[in-house]
Structures are given as structure tokens and as C-alpha cells.
Amino acid sequence: MPLLTVSQAWAVLAVAILMEVGGTTSMRLAEGFTRLTPSLMMVLFYAVSFTLNTMVIRVLGLSVTYGVWSGVGTVLTAMIGIYYFKEPATAVKMVSIGLIVIGVMGLHSATRVGT
């Protein structure tokens, strides 16, 4: 019997995604492990994210969990790069982000069809 319902799994996955984004952002702020606090935060955020993912995989399955986690995490991280770190928002980058969003929506809908 799963420890989480499907609705709970999606909520936990959302937190896991935010933790992963926090870890990736902290990686950028750590400047190659030369700054202690962001380096420690990176490890903490990733540890929490992976722990939550292991809970969610039991309910949503590997393909959906990892696909949504990595896809949404990639989009959010790209947006942080563009808005916070002032990276260029090229047309290719924006179209690619849109394609990731479409893929994540497809994976999400696959869980609704299968239940």
C-alpha cells in the first residue's frame, strides 16, 4: 500500500521540485564551492529533493516523477537564470522552455489516463 495518495504525491513532488531548484540556484551562488553557506544549502536542498522523490516514485512511477521533476525544475531554473542572473532570453531558449512545458503536461496527463 502506498504511503501517499496520488494528490499527496503531486504535492510532495512540487516541494521536491522547489528543493531541486533551490539546490541548483545554490550551486550557482556557491561559485565553485568557494562560498560555504550556498555550498551547504546546495547539499541540503538536493538531499531533501531526492528523499521526497523516493517517496513520490512509489505512487506516480519513475517516468512521470523524474520527467516532471526534471522538466519543471529545468523551466524554473531557466527562469531564475533569465530574471535573477540576467542570462539572455533568446528565442531558441524560450521555444525550448515551451517544449519542456508541453512534455511535462503530457506526462501529467498520462497519470490521469492510467488511474
PDB file of N, CA and C in Angstrom:
ATOM      1  N   MET A   1       0.841  -1.184   0.000  1.00  0.00           N
ATOM      2  CA  MET A   1       0.000   0.000   0.000  1.00  0.00           C
ATOM      3  C   MET A   1       0.885   1.246   0.000  1.00  0.00           C
ATOM      4  N   PRO A   2       0.640   2.194  -0.926  1.00  0.00           N
ATOM      5  CA  PRO A   2       1.462   3.409  -0.980  1.00  0.00           C
ATOM      6  C   PRO A   2       1.287   4.260   0.270  1.00  0.00           C
ATOM      7  N   LEU A   3       2.347   4.956   0.606  1.00  0.00           N
ATOM      8  CA  LEU A   3       2.304   5.831   1.765  1.00  0.00           C
ATOM      9  C   LEU A   3       1.577   7.139   1.467  1.00  0.00           C
ATOM     10  N   LEU A   4       1.481   7.498   0.191  1.00  0.00           N
ATOM     11  CA  LEU A   4       0.845   8.742  -0.218  1.00  0.00           C
ATOM     12  C   LEU A   4      -0.295   8.468  -1.182  1.00  0.00           C
ATOM     13  N   THR A   5      -1.310   9.318  -1.156  1.00  0.00           N
ATOM     14  CA  THR A   5      -2.323   9.270  -2.205  1.00  0.00           C
ATOM     15  C   THR A   5      -1.740   9.948  -3.444  1.00  0.00           C
ATOM     16  N   VAL A   6      -2.430   9.838  -4.561  1.00  0.00           N
ATOM     17  CA  VAL A   6      -1.952  10.488  -5.790  1.00  0.00           C
ATOM     18  C   VAL A   6      -1.887  12.002  -5.599  1.00  0.00           C
ATOM     19  N   SER A   7      -2.899  12.580  -4.983  1.00  0.00           N
ATOM     20  CA  SER A   7      -2.898  14.038  -4.741  1.00  0.00           C
ATOM     21  C   SER A   7      -1.743  14.447  -3.835  1.00  0.00           C
ATOM     22  N   GLN A   8      -1.515  13.674  -2.796  1.00  0.00           N
ATOM     23  CA  GLN A   8      -0.405  13.971  -1.894  1.00  0.00           C
ATOM     24  C   GLN A   8       0.934  13.832  -2.620  1.00  0.00           C
ATOM     25  N   ALA A   9       1.035  12.830  -3.474  1.00  0.00           N
ATOM     26  CA  ALA A   9       2.275  12.619  -4.221  1.00  0.00           C
ATOM     27  C   ALA A   9       2.596  13.817  -5.093  1.00  0.00           C
ATOM     28  N   TRP A  10       1.579  14.383  -5.754  1.00  0.00           N
ATOM     29  CA  TRP A  10       1.808  15.574  -6.577  1.00  0.00           C
ATOM     30  C   TRP A  10       2.259  16.749  -5.712  1.00  0.00           C
ATOM     31  N   ALA A  11       1.698  16.901  -4.535  1.00  0.00           N
ATOM     32  CA  ALA A  11       2.097  17.988  -3.638  1.00  0.00           C
ATOM     33  C   ALA A  11       3.537  17.793  -3.160  1.00  0.00           C
ATOM     34  N   VAL A  12       3.880  16.568  -2.800  1.00  0.00           N
ATOM     35  CA  VAL A  12       5.248  16.276  -2.365  1.00  0.00           C
ATOM     36  C   VAL A  12       6.218  16.488  -3.526  1.00  0.00           C
ATOM     37  N   LEU A  13       5.815  16.098  -4.737  1.00  0.00           N
ATOM     38  CA  LEU A  13       6.658  16.317  -5.910  1.00  0.00           C
ATOM     39  C   LEU A  13       6.903  17.811  -6.127  1.00  0.00           C
ATOM     40  N   ALA A  14       5.884  18.633  -5.905  1.00  0.00           N
ATOM     41  CA  ALA A  14       6.054  20.087  -6.053  1.00  0.00           C
ATOM     42  C   ALA A  14       7.112  20.604  -5.086  1.00  0.00           C
ATOM     43  N   VAL A  15       7.093  20.111  -3.854  1.00  0.00           N
ATOM     44  CA  VAL A  15       8.107  20.523  -2.872  1.00  0.00           C
ATOM     45  C   VAL A  15       9.487  20.019  -3.299  1.00  0.00           C
ATOM     46  N   ALA A  16       9.545  18.782  -3.799  1.00  0.00           N
ATOM     47  CA  ALA A  16      10.822  18.225  -4.276  1.00  0.00           C
ATOM     48  C   ALA A  16      11.397  19.078  -5.408  1.00  0.00           C
ATOM     49  N   ILE A  17      10.529  19.532  -6.291  1.00  0.00           N
ATOM     50  CA  ILE A  17      10.971  20.389  -7.405  1.00  0.00           C
ATOM     51  C   ILE A  17      11.526  21.700  -6.861  1.00  0.00           C
ATOM     52  N   LEU A  18      10.836  22.310  -5.921  1.00  0.00           N
ATOM     53  CA  LEU A  18      11.322  23.570  -5.343  1.00  0.00           C
ATOM     54  C   LEU A  18      12.666  23.377  -4.646  1.00  0.00           C
ATOM     55  N   MET A  19      12.835  22.245  -3.980  1.00  0.00           N
ATOM     56  CA  MET A  19      14.108  21.948  -3.325  1.00  0.00           C
ATOM     57  C   MET A  19      15.225  21.768  -4.358  1.00  0.00           C
ATOM     58  N   GLU A  20      14.912  21.108  -5.463  1.00  0.00           N
ATOM     59  CA  GLU A  20      15.902  20.914  -6.529  1.00  0.00           C
ATOM     60  C   GLU A  20      16.301  22.249  -7.144  1.00  0.00           C
ATOM     61  N   VAL A  21      15.327  23.111  -7.372  1.00  0.00           N
ATOM     62  CA  VAL A  21      15.608  24.447  -7.911  1.00  0.00           C
ATOM     63  C   VAL A  21      16.458  25.240  -6.919  1.00  0.00           C
ATOM     64  N   GLY A  22      16.135  25.122  -5.642  1.00  0.00           N
ATOM     65  CA  GLY A  22      16.949  25.776  -4.618  1.00  0.00           C
ATOM     66  C   GLY A  22      18.379  25.253  -4.617  1.00  0.00           C
ATOM     67  N   GLY A  23      18.540  23.941  -4.807  1.00  0.00           N
ATOM     68  CA  GLY A  23      19.872  23.349  -4.866  1.00  0.00           C
ATOM     69  C   GLY A  23      20.657  23.832  -6.068  1.00  0.00           C
ATOM     70  N   THR A  24      20.002  23.902  -7.210  1.00  0.00           N
ATOM     71  CA  THR A  24      20.679  24.352  -8.419  1.00  0.00           C
ATOM     72  C   THR A  24      21.031  25.824  -8.335  1.00  0.00           C
ATOM     73  N   THR A  25      20.137  26.625  -7.795  1.00  0.00           N
ATOM     74  CA  THR A  25      20.423  28.047  -7.610  1.00  0.00           C
ATOM     75  C   THR A  25      21.568  28.231  -6.614  1.00  0.00           C
ATOM     76  N   SER A  26      21.557  27.435  -5.558  1.00  0.00           N
ATOM     77  CA  SER A  26      22.646  27.499  -4.575  1.00  0.00           C
ATOM     78  C   SER A  26      23.975  27.099  -5.205  1.00  0.00           C
ATOM     79  N   MET A  27      23.923  26.156  -6.151  1.00  0.00           N
ATOM     80  CA  MET A  27      25.142  25.748  -6.851  1.00  0.00           C
ATOM     81  C   MET A  27      25.763  26.946  -7.572  1.00  0.00           C
ATOM     82  N   ARG A  28      24.923  27.719  -8.220  1.00  0.00           N
ATOM     83  CA  ARG A  28      25.400  28.921  -8.916  1.00  0.00           C
ATOM     84  C   ARG A  28      25.968  29.926  -7.923  1.00  0.00           C
ATOM     85  N   LEU A  29      25.276  30.095  -6.798  1.00  0.00           N
ATOM     86  CA  LEU A  29      25.713  31.061  -5.781  1.00  0.00           C
ATOM     87  C   LEU A  29      26.965  30.603  -5.033  1.00  0.00           C
ATOM     88  N   ALA A  30      27.232  29.296  -5.020  1.00  0.00           N
ATOM     89  CA  ALA A  30      28.390  28.748  -4.304  1.00  0.00           C
ATOM     90  C   ALA A  30      29.709  29.080  -4.987  1.00  0.00           C
ATOM     91  N   GLU A  31      29.642  29.489  -6.243  1.00  0.00           N
ATOM     92  CA  GLU A  31      30.831  29.888  -7.005  1.00  0.00           C
ATOM     93  C   GLU A  31      31.944  28.846  -6.897  1.00  0.00           C
ATOM     94  N   GLY A  32      31.610  27.619  -7.328  1.00  0.00           N
ATOM     95  CA  GLY A  32      32.607  26.552  -7.338  1.00  0.00           C
ATOM     96  C   GLY A  32      33.025  26.103  -5.948  1.00  0.00           C
ATOM     97  N   PHE A  33      32.105  26.046  -5.026  1.00  0.00           N
ATOM     98  CA  PHE A  33      32.328  25.660  -3.631  1.00  0.00           C
ATOM     99  C   PHE A  33      33.261  26.626  -2.890  1.00  0.00           C
ATOM    100  N   THR A  34      33.364  27.858  -3.356  1.00  0.00           N
ATOM    101  CA  THR A  34      34.207  28.835  -2.663  1.00  0.00           C
ATOM    102  C   THR A  34      33.426  29.609  -1.602  1.00  0.00           C
ATOM    103  N   ARG A  35      32.094  29.482  -1.609  1.00  0.00           N
ATOM    104  CA  ARG A  35      31.262  30.140  -0.601  1.00  0.00           C
ATOM    105  C   ARG A  35      30.572  29.057   0.213  1.00  0.00           C
ATOM    106  N   LEU A  36      30.802  29.054   1.528  1.00  0.00           N
ATOM    107  CA  LEU A  36      30.363  27.967   2.394  1.00  0.00           C
ATOM    108  C   LEU A  36      28.847  27.839   2.488  1.00  0.00           C
ATOM    109  N   THR A  37      28.151  28.915   2.797  1.00  0.00           N
ATOM    110  CA  THR A  37      26.704  28.821   3.028  1.00  0.00           C
ATOM    111  C   THR A  37      25.953  28.312   1.801  1.00  0.00           C
ATOM    112  N   PRO A  38      26.157  28.884   0.609  1.00  0.00           N
ATOM    113  CA  PRO A  38      25.453  28.332  -0.553  1.00  0.00           C
ATOM    114  C   PRO A  38      25.860  26.885  -0.851  1.00  0.00           C
ATOM    115  N   SER A  39      27.106  26.531  -0.570  1.00  0.00           N
ATOM    116  CA  SER A  39      27.554  25.150  -0.793  1.00  0.00           C
ATOM    117  C   SER A  39      26.796  24.192   0.119  1.00  0.00           C
ATOM    118  N   LEU A  40      26.661  24.555   1.383  1.00  0.00           N
ATOM    119  CA  LEU A  40      25.925  23.711   2.332  1.00  0.00           C
ATOM    120  C   LEU A  40      24.437  23.664   1.983  1.00  0.00           C
ATOM    121  N   MET A  41      23.885  24.798   1.560  1.00  0.00           N
ATOM    122  CA  MET A  41      22.476  24.839   1.180  1.00  0.00           C
ATOM    123  C   MET A  41      22.219  23.950  -0.039  1.00  0.00           C
ATOM    124  N   MET A  42      23.157  23.928  -0.971  1.00  0.00           N
ATOM    125  CA  MET A  42      23.021  23.082  -2.152  1.00  0.00           C
ATOM    126  C   MET A  42      22.889  21.621  -1.729  1.00  0.00           C
ATOM    127  N   VAL A  43      23.763  21.166  -0.865  1.00  0.00           N
ATOM    128  CA  VAL A  43      23.719  19.772  -0.401  1.00  0.00           C
ATOM    129  C   VAL A  43      22.406  19.488   0.319  1.00  0.00           C
ATOM    130  N   LEU A  44      21.979  20.394   1.182  1.00  0.00           N
ATOM    131  CA  LEU A  44      20.731  20.218   1.918  1.00  0.00           C
ATOM    132  C   LEU A  44      19.523  20.162   0.985  1.00  0.00           C
ATOM    133  N   PHE A  45      19.432  21.123   0.073  1.00  0.00           N
ATOM    134  CA  PHE A  45      18.298  21.151  -0.863  1.00  0.00           C
ATOM    135  C   PHE A  45      18.232  19.883  -1.713  1.00  0.00           C
ATOM    136  N   TYR A  46      19.380  19.450  -2.235  1.00  0.00           N
ATOM    137  CA  TYR A  46      19.383  18.233  -3.055  1.00  0.00           C
ATOM    138  C   TYR A  46      19.028  17.003  -2.229  1.00  0.00           C
ATOM    139  N   ALA A  47      19.523  16.912  -1.002  1.00  0.00           N
ATOM    140  CA  ALA A  47      19.202  15.760  -0.148  1.00  0.00           C
ATOM    141  C   ALA A  47      17.699  15.676   0.106  1.00  0.00           C
ATOM    142  N   VAL A  48      17.084  16.807   0.419  1.00  0.00           N
ATOM    143  CA  VAL A  48      15.635  16.826   0.654  1.00  0.00           C
ATOM    144  C   VAL A  48      14.892  16.473  -0.631  1.00  0.00           C
ATOM    145  N   SER A  49      15.326  17.035  -1.748  1.00  0.00           N
ATOM    146  CA  SER A  49      14.662  16.771  -3.020  1.00  0.00           C
ATOM    147  C   SER A  49      14.698  15.284  -3.372  1.00  0.00           C
ATOM    148  N   PHE A  50      15.852  14.669  -3.271  1.00  0.00           N
ATOM    149  CA  PHE A  50      15.956  13.250  -3.610  1.00  0.00           C
ATOM    150  C   PHE A  50      15.181  12.379  -2.631  1.00  0.00           C
ATOM    151  N   THR A  51      15.172  12.751  -1.375  1.00  0.00           N
ATOM    152  CA  THR A  51      14.391  11.999  -0.386  1.00  0.00           C
ATOM    153  C   THR A  51      12.907  12.045  -0.726  1.00  0.00           C
ATOM    154  N   LEU A  52      12.411  13.225  -1.045  1.00  0.00           N
ATOM    155  CA  LEU A  52      10.995  13.357  -1.409  1.00  0.00           C
ATOM    156  C   LEU A  52      10.685  12.604  -2.699  1.00  0.00           C
ATOM    157  N   ASN A  53      11.614  12.637  -3.650  1.00  0.00           N
ATOM    158  CA  ASN A  53      11.400  11.914  -4.901  1.00  0.00           C
ATOM    159  C   ASN A  53      11.241  10.417  -4.677  1.00  0.00           C
ATOM    160  N   THR A  54      11.993   9.860  -3.736  1.00  0.00           N
ATOM    161  CA  THR A  54      11.856   8.429  -3.477  1.00  0.00           C
ATOM    162  C   THR A  54      10.477   8.082  -2.943  1.00  0.00           C
ATOM    163  N   MET A  55       9.875   8.996  -2.212  1.00  0.00           N
ATOM    164  CA  MET A  55       8.509   8.771  -1.725  1.00  0.00           C
ATOM    165  C   MET A  55       7.507   8.833  -2.882  1.00  0.00           C
ATOM    166  N   VAL A  56       7.701   9.784  -3.773  1.00  0.00           N
ATOM    167  CA  VAL A  56       6.754  10.020  -4.858  1.00  0.00           C
ATOM    168  C   VAL A  56       6.817   8.918  -5.926  1.00  0.00           C
ATOM    169  N   ILE A  57       8.007   8.409  -6.195  1.00  0.00           N
ATOM    170  CA  ILE A  57       8.184   7.386  -7.241  1.00  0.00           C
ATOM    171  C   ILE A  57       7.317   6.163  -6.975  1.00  0.00           C
ATOM    172  N   ARG A  58       7.097   5.840  -5.720  1.00  0.00           N
ATOM    173  CA  ARG A  58       6.268   4.672  -5.379  1.00  0.00           C
ATOM    174  C   ARG A  58       4.822   4.850  -5.827  1.00  0.00           C
ATOM    175  N   VAL A  59       4.384   6.100  -5.939  1.00  0.00           N
ATOM    176  CA  VAL A  59       2.989   6.377  -6.283  1.00  0.00           C
ATOM    177  C   VAL A  59       2.827   6.738  -7.764  1.00  0.00           C
ATOM    178  N   LEU A  60       3.645   7.641  -8.249  1.00  0.00           N
ATOM    179  CA  LEU A  60       3.480   8.139  -9.613  1.00  0.00           C
ATOM    180  C   LEU A  60       4.322   7.385 -10.638  1.00  0.00           C
ATOM    181  N   GLY A  61       5.258   6.586 -10.183  1.00  0.00           N
ATOM    182  CA  GLY A  61       6.129   5.853 -11.093  1.00  0.00           C
ATOM    183  C   GLY A  61       7.360   6.667 -11.459  1.00  0.00           C
ATOM    184  N   LEU A  62       8.369   5.971 -11.932  1.00  0.00           N
ATOM    185  CA  LEU A  62       9.647   6.601 -12.242  1.00  0.00           C
ATOM    186  C   LEU A  62       9.557   7.575 -13.407  1.00  0.00           C
ATOM    187  N   SER A  63       8.926   7.168 -14.501  1.00  0.00           N
ATOM    188  CA  SER A  63       8.922   8.012 -15.703  1.00  0.00           C
ATOM    189  C   SER A  63       8.220   9.344 -15.460  1.00  0.00           C
ATOM    190  N   VAL A  64       7.094   9.309 -14.799  1.00  0.00           N
ATOM    191  CA  VAL A  64       6.352  10.546 -14.536  1.00  0.00           C
ATOM    192  C   VAL A  64       7.075  11.392 -13.495  1.00  0.00           C
ATOM    193  N   THR A  65       7.492  10.768 -12.402  1.00  0.00           N
ATOM    194  CA  THR A  65       8.152  11.517 -11.328  1.00  0.00           C
ATOM    195  C   THR A  65       9.404  12.208 -11.836  1.00  0.00           C
ATOM    196  N   TYR A  66      10.285  11.457 -12.471  1.00  0.00           N
ATOM    197  CA  TYR A  66      11.546  12.060 -12.913  1.00  0.00           C
ATOM    198  C   TYR A  66      11.317  13.038 -14.057  1.00  0.00           C
ATOM    199  N   GLY A  67      10.435  12.700 -14.965  1.00  0.00           N
ATOM    200  CA  GLY A  67      10.167  13.599 -16.086  1.00  0.00           C
ATOM    201  C   GLY A  67       9.624  14.940 -15.635  1.00  0.00           C
ATOM    202  N   VAL A  68       8.635  14.915 -14.746  1.00  0.00           N
ATOM    203  CA  VAL A  68       8.048  16.165 -14.247  1.00  0.00           C
ATOM    204  C   VAL A  68       9.057  16.906 -13.375  1.00  0.00           C
ATOM    205  N   TRP A  69       9.748  16.177 -12.504  1.00  0.00           N
ATOM    206  CA  TRP A  69      10.733  16.795 -11.601  1.00  0.00           C
ATOM    207  C   TRP A  69      11.823  17.504 -12.395  1.00  0.00           C
ATOM    208  N   SER A  70      12.384  16.815 -13.364  1.00  0.00           N
ATOM    209  CA  SER A  70      13.468  17.430 -14.134  1.00  0.00           C
ATOM    210  C   SER A  70      12.946  18.508 -15.084  1.00  0.00           C
ATOM    211  N   GLY A  71      11.788  18.287 -15.688  1.00  0.00           N
ATOM    212  CA  GLY A  71      11.246  19.264 -16.631  1.00  0.00           C
ATOM    213  C   GLY A  71      10.845  20.563 -15.958  1.00  0.00           C
ATOM    214  N   VAL A  72      10.042  20.471 -14.918  1.00  0.00           N
ATOM    215  CA  VAL A  72       9.614  21.686 -14.215  1.00  0.00           C
ATOM    216  C   VAL A  72      10.811  22.358 -13.555  1.00  0.00           C
ATOM    217  N   GLY A  73      11.715  21.543 -12.996  1.00  0.00           N
ATOM    218  CA  GLY A  73      12.927  22.105 -12.398  1.00  0.00           C
ATOM    219  C   GLY A  73      13.763  22.856 -13.414  1.00  0.00           C
ATOM    220  N   THR A  74      13.867  22.304 -14.619  1.00  0.00           N
ATOM    221  CA  THR A  74      14.622  22.962 -15.681  1.00  0.00           C
ATOM    222  C   THR A  74      13.987  24.288 -16.071  1.00  0.00           C
ATOM    223  N   VAL A  75      12.673  24.302 -16.218  1.00  0.00           N
ATOM    224  CA  VAL A  75      11.980  25.537 -16.593  1.00  0.00           C
ATOM    225  C   VAL A  75      12.137  26.602 -15.504  1.00  0.00           C
ATOM    226  N   LEU A  76      11.919  26.221 -14.264  1.00  0.00           N
ATOM    227  CA  LEU A  76      12.052  27.193 -13.169  1.00  0.00           C
ATOM    228  C   LEU A  76      13.481  27.701 -13.050  1.00  0.00           C
ATOM    229  N   THR A  77      14.448  26.799 -13.188  1.00  0.00           N
ATOM    230  CA  THR A  77      15.851  27.201 -13.111  1.00  0.00           C
ATOM    231  C   THR A  77      16.216  28.137 -14.261  1.00  0.00           C
ATOM    232  N   ALA A  78      15.713  27.845 -15.449  1.00  0.00           N
ATOM    233  CA  ALA A  78      15.966  28.730 -16.596  1.00  0.00           C
ATOM    234  C   ALA A  78      15.369  30.110 -16.343  1.00  0.00           C
ATOM    235  N   MET A  79      14.184  30.159 -15.768  1.00  0.00           N
ATOM    236  CA  MET A  79      13.553  31.448 -15.471  1.00  0.00           C
ATOM    237  C   MET A  79      14.362  32.227 -14.427  1.00  0.00           C
ATOM    238  N   ILE A  80      14.884  31.534 -13.426  1.00  0.00           N
ATOM    239  CA  ILE A  80      15.739  32.195 -12.434  1.00  0.00           C
ATOM    240  C   ILE A  80      17.001  32.722 -13.111  1.00  0.00           C
ATOM    241  N   GLY A  81      17.561  31.930 -14.006  1.00  0.00           N
ATOM    242  CA  GLY A  81      18.741  32.381 -14.738  1.00  0.00           C
ATOM    243  C   GLY A  81      18.462  33.636 -15.540  1.00  0.00           C
ATOM    244  N   ILE A  82      17.307  33.660 -16.178  1.00  0.00           N
ATOM    245  CA  ILE A  82      16.949  34.810 -17.019  1.00  0.00           C
ATOM    246  C   ILE A  82      16.640  36.049 -16.170  1.00  0.00           C
ATOM    247  N   TYR A  83      15.813  35.888 -15.156  1.00  0.00           N
ATOM    248  CA  TYR A  83      15.354  37.049 -14.392  1.00  0.00           C
ATOM    249  C   TYR A  83      16.310  37.484 -13.287  1.00  0.00           C
ATOM    250  N   TYR A  84      16.928  36.530 -12.587  1.00  0.00           N
ATOM    251  CA  TYR A  84      17.775  36.885 -11.449  1.00  0.00           C
ATOM    252  C   TYR A  84      19.236  37.078 -11.857  1.00  0.00           C
ATOM    253  N   PHE A  85      19.742  36.150 -12.688  1.00  0.00           N
ATOM    254  CA  PHE A  85      21.147  36.222 -13.084  1.00  0.00           C
ATOM    255  C   PHE A  85      21.354  36.936 -14.419  1.00  0.00           C
ATOM    256  N   LYS A  86      20.274  37.474 -14.981  1.00  0.00           N
ATOM    257  CA  LYS A  86      20.315  38.291 -16.201  1.00  0.00           C
ATOM    258  C   LYS A  86      20.919  37.558 -17.403  1.00  0.00           C
ATOM    259  N   GLU A  87      20.620  36.252 -17.518  1.00  0.00           N
ATOM    260  CA  GLU A  87      21.056  35.495 -18.689  1.00  0.00           C
ATOM    261  C   GLU A  87      20.160  35.875 -19.867  1.00  0.00           C
ATOM    262  N   PRO A  88      20.669  35.795 -21.085  1.00  0.00           N
ATOM    263  CA  PRO A  88      19.850  36.188 -22.239  1.00  0.00           C
ATOM    264  C   PRO A  88      18.672  35.244 -22.462  1.00  0.00           C
ATOM    265  N   ALA A  89      17.525  35.817 -22.774  1.00  0.00           N
ATOM    266  CA  ALA A  89      16.303  35.048 -23.076  1.00  0.00           C
ATOM    267  C   ALA A  89      16.165  34.991 -24.595  1.00  0.00           C
ATOM    268  N   THR A  90      16.939  34.124 -25.215  1.00  0.00           N
ATOM    269  CA  THR A  90      16.915  34.026 -26.675  1.00  0.00           C
ATOM    270  C   THR A  90      15.639  33.322 -27.137  1.00  0.00           C
ATOM    271  N   ALA A  91      15.321  33.498 -28.402  1.00  0.00           N
ATOM    272  CA  ALA A  91      14.135  32.846 -28.969  1.00  0.00           C
ATOM    273  C   ALA A  91      14.251  31.326 -28.857  1.00  0.00           C
ATOM    274  N   VAL A  92      15.420  30.797 -29.146  1.00  0.00           N
ATOM    275  CA  VAL A  92      15.622  29.339 -29.058  1.00  0.00           C
ATOM    276  C   VAL A  92      15.400  28.861 -27.625  1.00  0.00           C
ATOM    277  N   LYS A  93      15.898  29.616 -26.673  1.00  0.00           N
ATOM    278  CA  LYS A  93      15.728  29.243 -25.264  1.00  0.00           C
ATOM    279  C   LYS A  93      14.247  29.240 -24.879  1.00  0.00           C
ATOM    280  N   MET A  94      13.515  30.259 -25.305  1.00  0.00           N
ATOM    281  CA  MET A  94      12.101  30.360 -24.943  1.00  0.00           C
ATOM    282  C   MET A  94      11.269  29.264 -25.621  1.00  0.00           C
ATOM    283  N   VAL A  95      11.541  28.963 -26.878  1.00  0.00           N
ATOM    284  CA  VAL A  95      10.827  27.876 -27.564  1.00  0.00           C
ATOM    285  C   VAL A  95      11.141  26.546 -26.879  1.00  0.00           C
ATOM    286  N   SER A  96      12.390  26.340 -26.515  1.00  0.00           N
ATOM    287  CA  SER A  96      12.777  25.100 -25.840  1.00  0.00           C
ATOM    288  C   SER A  96      12.067  24.955 -24.496  1.00  0.00           C
ATOM    289  N   ILE A  97      11.955  26.038 -23.752  1.00  0.00           N
ATOM    290  CA  ILE A  97      11.219  26.018 -22.486  1.00  0.00           C
ATOM    291  C   ILE A  97       9.755  25.651 -22.743  1.00  0.00           C
ATOM    292  N   GLY A  98       9.168  26.212 -23.785  1.00  0.00           N
ATOM    293  CA  GLY A  98       7.789  25.878 -24.143  1.00  0.00           C
ATOM    294  C   GLY A  98       7.625  24.401 -24.463  1.00  0.00           C
ATOM    295  N   LEU A  99       8.583  23.818 -25.158  1.00  0.00           N
ATOM    296  CA  LEU A  99       8.514  22.388 -25.476  1.00  0.00           C
ATOM    297  C   LEU A  99       8.617  21.524 -24.215  1.00  0.00           C
ATOM    298  N   ILE A 100       9.441  21.956 -23.272  1.00  0.00           N
ATOM    299  CA  ILE A 100       9.535  21.231 -21.996  1.00  0.00           C
ATOM    300  C   ILE A 100       8.197  21.273 -21.272  1.00  0.00           C
ATOM    301  N   VAL A 101       7.567  22.441 -21.260  1.00  0.00           N
ATOM    302  CA  VAL A 101       6.255  22.582 -20.605  1.00  0.00           C
ATOM    303  C   VAL A 101       5.236  21.645 -21.251  1.00  0.00           C
ATOM    304  N   ILE A 102       5.227  21.575 -22.564  1.00  0.00           N
ATOM    305  CA  ILE A 102       4.304  20.664 -23.267  1.00  0.00           C
ATOM    306  C   ILE A 102       4.580  19.219 -22.867  1.00  0.00           C
ATOM    307  N   GLY A 103       5.840  18.851 -22.795  1.00  0.00           N
ATOM    308  CA  GLY A 103       6.192  17.492 -22.389  1.00  0.00           C
ATOM    309  C   GLY A 103       5.752  17.167 -20.974  1.00  0.00           C
ATOM    310  N   VAL A 104       5.938  18.106 -20.062  1.00  0.00           N
ATOM    311  CA  VAL A 104       5.512  17.901 -18.673  1.00  0.00           C
ATOM    312  C   VAL A 104       3.993  17.752 -18.597  1.00  0.00           C
ATOM    313  N   MET A 105       3.275  18.559 -19.375  1.00  0.00           N
ATOM    314  CA  MET A 105       1.810  18.444 -19.388  1.00  0.00           C
ATOM    315  C   MET A 105       1.398  17.065 -19.897  1.00  0.00           C
ATOM    316  N   GLY A 106       2.102  16.554 -20.897  1.00  0.00           N
ATOM    317  CA  GLY A 106       1.803  15.225 -21.403  1.00  0.00           C
ATOM    318  C   GLY A 106       2.044  14.150 -20.357  1.00  0.00           C
ATOM    319  N   LEU A 107       3.155  14.246 -19.621  1.00  0.00           N
ATOM    320  CA  LEU A 107       3.431  13.275 -18.563  1.00  0.00           C
ATOM    321  C   LEU A 107       2.383  13.357 -17.463  1.00  0.00           C
ATOM    322  N   HIS A 108       1.978  14.569 -17.115  1.00  0.00           N
ATOM    323  CA  HIS A 108       0.948  14.733 -16.083  1.00  0.00           C
ATOM    324  C   HIS A 108      -0.367  14.103 -16.536  1.00  0.00           C
ATOM    325  N   SER A 109      -0.735  14.324 -17.777  1.00  0.00           N
ATOM    326  CA  SER A 109      -1.992  13.753 -18.270  1.00  0.00           C
ATOM    327  C   SER A 109      -1.929  12.235 -18.347  1.00  0.00           C
ATOM    328  N   ALA A 110      -0.729  11.689 -18.518  1.00  0.00           N
ATOM    329  CA  ALA A 110      -0.580  10.231 -18.570  1.00  0.00           C
ATOM    330  C   ALA A 110      -0.953   9.588 -17.242  1.00  0.00           C
ATOM    331  N   THR A 111      -0.750  10.283 -16.138  1.00  0.00           N
ATOM    332  CA  THR A 111      -1.127   9.716 -14.852  1.00  0.00           C
ATOM    333  C   THR A 111      -2.627   9.731 -14.664  1.00  0.00           C
ATOM    334  N   ARG A 112      -3.307  10.675 -15.284  1.00  0.00           N
ATOM    335  CA  ARG A 112      -4.772  10.737 -15.179  1.00  0.00           C
ATOM    336  C   ARG A 112      -5.427   9.634 -15.999  1.00  0.00           C
ATOM    337  N   VAL A 113      -4.838   9.322 -17.146  1.00  0.00           N
ATOM    338  CA  VAL A 113      -5.389   8.265 -18.000  1.00  0.00           C
ATOM    339  C   VAL A 113      -5.197   6.917 -17.350  1.00  0.00           C
ATOM    340  N   GLY A 114      -4.040   6.734 -16.682  1.00  0.00           N
ATOM    341  CA  GLY A 114      -3.713   5.443 -16.091  1.00  0.00           C
ATOM    342  C   GLY A 114      -4.444   5.149 -14.784  1.00  0.00           C
ATOM    343  N   THR A 115      -5.089   6.138 -14.173  1.00  0.00           N
ATOM    344  CA  THR A 115      -5.742   5.893 -12.884  1.00  0.00           C
ATOM    345  C   THR A 115      -7.222   5.682 -13.027  1.00  0.00           C
TER     346      THR A 115
END
